[in-house]
Amino acid sequence: MLMDNDSGRGLVMTVDDASLTATVDAEFGTHEAQCFAQGTAMDTPNGNAVVACATPWVREYDTTGSLLWEAEIQCANNGGGGWTPGSATRWYPIDWE
C-alpha cells in the first residue's frame, strides 16, 4: 500500500517485476482531494486500510472498500490551539488485541 499524495488516496498495487508494470487493486480516498507533501496509507492488523493527509482527518476502510468511519481530531497543543495548517499529523493503526 502506498499514498498517492497528489490525488489524496491510498493505493494497493500489484507489481509485475518482469514486465515492469503495476496494477491498482484498490484505492481509498482521504478526506482531502490532495495531500501535498505528506500522507498516511497503512493496513490495520485485520487488513483494513487507514488513510489520511497531514490534517486532522483520518478514515478507515474495510477489506471490501467500504468506509467504516471518519474522524477529525482535536488536540491541545502546548495548552491550546489544536491542529494548525502546516502541522504534521501521522496516523498509525494500533492492534488492541
N, C-alpha and C. Protein backbone atom coordinates (compact mmCIF):
# COMPACT_ATOMS: atom_id res chain seq x y z
N MET A 1 0.86 -1.17 0.00
CA MET A 1 0.00 0.00 0.00
C MET A 1 0.90 1.23 0.00
N LEU A 2 0.47 2.24 -0.74
CA LEU A 2 1.22 3.49 -0.77
C LEU A 2 0.27 4.67 -0.84
N MET A 3 0.76 5.85 -0.54
CA MET A 3 -0.05 7.06 -0.57
C MET A 3 0.22 7.81 -1.86
N ASP A 4 -0.84 8.12 -2.60
CA ASP A 4 -0.77 9.00 -3.76
C ASP A 4 -1.12 10.39 -3.25
N ASN A 5 -0.12 11.12 -2.78
CA ASN A 5 -0.34 12.43 -2.18
C ASN A 5 -1.03 13.40 -3.13
N ASP A 6 -0.67 13.34 -4.42
CA ASP A 6 -1.20 14.30 -5.38
C ASP A 6 -2.71 14.14 -5.58
N SER A 7 -3.21 12.91 -5.42
CA SER A 7 -4.64 12.66 -5.62
C SER A 7 -5.39 12.36 -4.32
N GLY A 8 -4.71 12.42 -3.17
CA GLY A 8 -5.36 12.20 -1.88
C GLY A 8 -5.99 10.83 -1.76
N ARG A 9 -5.21 9.78 -2.02
CA ARG A 9 -5.75 8.42 -1.92
C ARG A 9 -4.64 7.43 -1.59
N GLY A 10 -5.04 6.38 -0.88
CA GLY A 10 -4.15 5.26 -0.63
C GLY A 10 -4.38 4.24 -1.73
N LEU A 11 -3.31 3.62 -2.21
CA LEU A 11 -3.41 2.64 -3.29
C LEU A 11 -2.81 1.30 -2.86
N VAL A 12 -3.50 0.23 -3.21
CA VAL A 12 -2.96 -1.12 -3.08
C VAL A 12 -2.65 -1.56 -4.50
N MET A 13 -1.40 -1.97 -4.72
CA MET A 13 -0.97 -2.29 -6.08
C MET A 13 -0.27 -3.63 -6.15
N THR A 14 -0.40 -4.26 -7.31
CA THR A 14 0.36 -5.46 -7.63
C THR A 14 1.43 -5.05 -8.64
N VAL A 15 2.67 -5.37 -8.33
CA VAL A 15 3.79 -5.01 -9.20
C VAL A 15 4.30 -6.26 -9.90
N ASP A 16 4.43 -6.18 -11.21
CA ASP A 16 4.99 -7.27 -12.02
C ASP A 16 6.41 -6.87 -12.39
N ASP A 17 7.37 -7.44 -11.69
CA ASP A 17 8.78 -7.09 -11.91
C ASP A 17 9.25 -7.47 -13.32
N ALA A 18 8.73 -8.54 -13.87
CA ALA A 18 9.17 -9.00 -15.19
C ALA A 18 8.77 -8.02 -16.29
N SER A 19 7.51 -7.55 -16.23
CA SER A 19 7.05 -6.64 -17.30
C SER A 19 7.18 -5.16 -16.92
N LEU A 20 7.67 -4.90 -15.69
CA LEU A 20 7.84 -3.54 -15.19
C LEU A 20 6.52 -2.75 -15.24
N THR A 21 5.44 -3.40 -14.79
CA THR A 21 4.13 -2.75 -14.74
C THR A 21 3.54 -2.88 -13.34
N ALA A 22 2.58 -2.03 -13.05
CA ALA A 22 1.87 -2.09 -11.78
C ALA A 22 0.38 -1.96 -12.06
N THR A 23 -0.42 -2.69 -11.29
CA THR A 23 -1.87 -2.65 -11.41
C THR A 23 -2.46 -2.19 -10.09
N VAL A 24 -3.39 -1.23 -10.15
CA VAL A 24 -4.07 -0.77 -8.95
C VAL A 24 -5.17 -1.78 -8.61
N ASP A 25 -5.07 -2.40 -7.44
CA ASP A 25 -6.04 -3.39 -6.99
C ASP A 25 -7.16 -2.75 -6.16
N ALA A 26 -6.84 -1.67 -5.45
CA ALA A 26 -7.84 -0.97 -4.63
C ALA A 26 -7.34 0.44 -4.38
N GLU A 27 -8.30 1.36 -4.17
CA GLU A 27 -7.94 2.72 -3.78
C GLU A 27 -8.89 3.21 -2.70
N PHE A 28 -8.33 4.04 -1.80
CA PHE A 28 -9.07 4.51 -0.64
C PHE A 28 -8.86 6.01 -0.52
N GLY A 29 -9.92 6.79 -0.69
CA GLY A 29 -9.83 8.24 -0.68
C GLY A 29 -9.66 8.81 0.71
N THR A 30 -8.87 9.87 0.81
CA THR A 30 -8.74 10.62 2.05
C THR A 30 -9.87 11.66 2.11
N HIS A 31 -9.96 12.37 3.20
CA HIS A 31 -10.96 13.44 3.35
C HIS A 31 -10.67 14.58 2.38
N GLU A 32 -9.41 14.79 2.05
CA GLU A 32 -8.99 15.88 1.17
C GLU A 32 -8.75 15.36 -0.25
N ALA A 33 -8.85 16.25 -1.21
CA ALA A 33 -8.62 15.87 -2.61
C ALA A 33 -7.13 15.76 -2.93
N GLN A 34 -6.27 16.36 -2.10
CA GLN A 34 -4.83 16.33 -2.33
C GLN A 34 -4.12 16.44 -0.99
N CYS A 35 -3.05 15.65 -0.83
CA CYS A 35 -2.31 15.65 0.44
C CYS A 35 -1.05 16.50 0.40
N PHE A 36 -0.65 16.96 -0.74
CA PHE A 36 0.58 17.72 -0.89
C PHE A 36 1.76 16.85 -0.45
N ALA A 37 2.56 17.29 0.52
CA ALA A 37 3.82 16.58 0.80
C ALA A 37 3.69 15.38 1.72
N GLN A 38 2.61 15.26 2.51
CA GLN A 38 2.57 14.19 3.50
C GLN A 38 1.21 13.51 3.55
N GLY A 39 1.25 12.22 3.81
CA GLY A 39 0.03 11.46 3.99
C GLY A 39 0.34 10.11 4.60
N THR A 40 -0.71 9.39 4.99
CA THR A 40 -0.59 8.07 5.61
C THR A 40 -1.45 7.08 4.85
N ALA A 41 -0.90 5.93 4.54
CA ALA A 41 -1.65 4.81 3.96
C ALA A 41 -1.08 3.54 4.56
N MET A 42 -1.86 2.91 5.45
CA MET A 42 -1.37 1.72 6.15
C MET A 42 -2.50 0.72 6.33
N ASP A 43 -2.11 -0.55 6.45
CA ASP A 43 -3.06 -1.60 6.76
C ASP A 43 -3.15 -1.79 8.27
N THR A 44 -4.36 -2.10 8.76
CA THR A 44 -4.52 -2.49 10.16
C THR A 44 -4.20 -3.98 10.26
N PRO A 45 -4.06 -4.50 11.47
CA PRO A 45 -3.80 -5.94 11.61
C PRO A 45 -4.89 -6.83 10.99
N ASN A 46 -6.13 -6.33 10.90
CA ASN A 46 -7.19 -7.16 10.31
C ASN A 46 -7.37 -6.92 8.81
N GLY A 47 -6.46 -6.13 8.19
CA GLY A 47 -6.49 -5.93 6.75
C GLY A 47 -7.23 -4.70 6.29
N ASN A 48 -7.80 -3.92 7.21
CA ASN A 48 -8.45 -2.67 6.82
C ASN A 48 -7.40 -1.64 6.44
N ALA A 49 -7.84 -0.58 5.75
CA ALA A 49 -6.94 0.48 5.31
C ALA A 49 -7.21 1.75 6.11
N VAL A 50 -6.15 2.38 6.61
CA VAL A 50 -6.22 3.68 7.26
C VAL A 50 -5.51 4.67 6.36
N VAL A 51 -6.23 5.75 5.98
CA VAL A 51 -5.65 6.76 5.09
C VAL A 51 -5.92 8.15 5.64
N ALA A 52 -4.97 9.05 5.43
CA ALA A 52 -5.12 10.43 5.89
C ALA A 52 -4.04 11.30 5.27
N CYS A 53 -4.36 12.58 5.13
CA CYS A 53 -3.36 13.58 4.78
C CYS A 53 -2.81 14.15 6.09
N ALA A 54 -1.89 15.10 5.99
CA ALA A 54 -1.35 15.73 7.20
C ALA A 54 -2.31 16.81 7.66
N THR A 55 -3.52 16.38 8.03
CA THR A 55 -4.59 17.25 8.51
C THR A 55 -5.22 16.55 9.71
N PRO A 56 -6.24 17.10 10.34
CA PRO A 56 -6.85 16.42 11.48
C PRO A 56 -7.82 15.31 11.09
N TRP A 57 -7.99 15.00 9.80
CA TRP A 57 -8.96 13.99 9.36
C TRP A 57 -8.31 12.65 9.07
N VAL A 58 -8.97 11.56 9.48
CA VAL A 58 -8.49 10.21 9.21
C VAL A 58 -9.69 9.35 8.83
N ARG A 59 -9.46 8.36 7.96
CA ARG A 59 -10.52 7.43 7.54
C ARG A 59 -10.02 5.99 7.64
N GLU A 60 -10.97 5.08 7.91
CA GLU A 60 -10.68 3.64 7.86
C GLU A 60 -11.69 2.97 6.95
N TYR A 61 -11.18 2.12 6.05
CA TYR A 61 -12.00 1.35 5.12
C TYR A 61 -11.85 -0.13 5.45
N ASP A 62 -12.93 -0.91 5.23
CA ASP A 62 -12.82 -2.35 5.44
C ASP A 62 -12.22 -3.01 4.21
N THR A 63 -12.07 -4.32 4.25
CA THR A 63 -11.40 -5.06 3.17
C THR A 63 -12.21 -5.09 1.87
N THR A 64 -13.48 -4.70 1.92
CA THR A 64 -14.29 -4.63 0.69
C THR A 64 -14.24 -3.23 0.08
N GLY A 65 -13.60 -2.28 0.76
CA GLY A 65 -13.51 -0.91 0.26
C GLY A 65 -14.58 0.02 0.79
N SER A 66 -15.41 -0.47 1.73
CA SER A 66 -16.45 0.37 2.32
C SER A 66 -15.87 1.22 3.45
N LEU A 67 -16.26 2.49 3.48
CA LEU A 67 -15.82 3.39 4.54
C LEU A 67 -16.44 2.96 5.86
N LEU A 68 -15.60 2.64 6.85
CA LEU A 68 -16.08 2.25 8.18
C LEU A 68 -16.34 3.47 9.05
N TRP A 69 -15.40 4.39 9.06
CA TRP A 69 -15.55 5.59 9.86
C TRP A 69 -14.59 6.67 9.37
N GLU A 70 -14.90 7.89 9.79
CA GLU A 70 -14.07 9.05 9.51
C GLU A 70 -14.08 9.89 10.78
N ALA A 71 -12.94 10.46 11.14
CA ALA A 71 -12.88 11.26 12.36
C ALA A 71 -12.00 12.48 12.16
N GLU A 72 -12.31 13.52 12.92
CA GLU A 72 -11.49 14.72 12.97
C GLU A 72 -10.97 14.85 14.40
N ILE A 73 -9.66 14.98 14.55
CA ILE A 73 -9.09 15.09 15.89
C ILE A 73 -9.12 16.53 16.38
N GLN A 74 -9.13 16.66 17.67
CA GLN A 74 -8.99 17.95 18.33
C GLN A 74 -7.87 17.78 19.35
N CYS A 75 -6.75 18.45 19.14
CA CYS A 75 -5.61 18.31 20.04
C CYS A 75 -5.30 19.64 20.71
N ALA A 76 -5.00 19.57 21.99
CA ALA A 76 -4.49 20.74 22.69
C ALA A 76 -2.98 20.75 22.46
N ASN A 77 -2.49 21.82 21.91
CA ASN A 77 -1.08 21.92 21.56
C ASN A 77 -0.43 22.98 22.45
N ASN A 78 0.37 22.55 23.41
CA ASN A 78 1.02 23.46 24.34
C ASN A 78 0.00 24.35 25.06
N GLY A 79 -1.09 23.73 25.50
CA GLY A 79 -2.07 24.48 26.26
C GLY A 79 -3.20 25.06 25.44
N GLY A 80 -3.28 24.74 24.16
CA GLY A 80 -4.39 25.26 23.37
C GLY A 80 -4.04 25.36 21.91
N GLY A 81 -5.00 25.75 21.14
CA GLY A 81 -4.74 25.99 19.72
C GLY A 81 -5.16 24.84 18.84
N GLY A 82 -4.83 23.61 19.21
CA GLY A 82 -5.19 22.47 18.38
C GLY A 82 -4.37 22.38 17.11
N TRP A 83 -4.91 21.67 16.14
CA TRP A 83 -4.22 21.47 14.87
C TRP A 83 -4.21 22.76 14.07
N THR A 84 -3.09 23.07 13.44
CA THR A 84 -3.00 24.25 12.59
C THR A 84 -2.40 23.86 11.25
N PRO A 85 -2.75 24.55 10.15
CA PRO A 85 -2.13 24.25 8.86
C PRO A 85 -0.62 24.30 8.99
N GLY A 86 0.04 23.38 8.35
CA GLY A 86 1.49 23.27 8.45
C GLY A 86 1.93 22.27 9.50
N SER A 87 1.00 21.85 10.37
CA SER A 87 1.33 20.80 11.35
C SER A 87 1.48 19.48 10.62
N ALA A 88 2.25 18.59 11.16
CA ALA A 88 2.42 17.26 10.57
C ALA A 88 1.70 16.25 11.44
N THR A 89 0.63 15.68 10.91
CA THR A 89 -0.14 14.67 11.63
C THR A 89 0.17 13.31 11.03
N ARG A 90 0.50 12.35 11.85
CA ARG A 90 0.75 10.99 11.39
C ARG A 90 -0.26 10.06 12.04
N TRP A 91 -0.76 9.11 11.28
CA TRP A 91 -1.75 8.16 11.77
C TRP A 91 -1.17 6.76 11.67
N TYR A 92 -1.30 5.96 12.74
CA TYR A 92 -0.82 4.59 12.75
C TYR A 92 -1.89 3.69 13.37
N PRO A 93 -2.27 2.62 12.66
CA PRO A 93 -3.22 1.69 13.27
C PRO A 93 -2.59 0.98 14.45
N ILE A 94 -3.39 0.73 15.48
CA ILE A 94 -2.92 0.04 16.69
C ILE A 94 -3.67 -1.26 16.85
N ASP A 95 -2.95 -2.34 17.12
CA ASP A 95 -3.56 -3.63 17.37
C ASP A 95 -3.93 -3.71 18.85
N TRP A 96 -5.22 -3.68 19.16
CA TRP A 96 -5.69 -3.67 20.54
C TRP A 96 -5.84 -5.06 21.13
N GLU A 97 -5.56 -6.09 20.37
CA GLU A 97 -5.73 -7.46 20.91
C GLU A 97 -4.53 -7.91 21.70
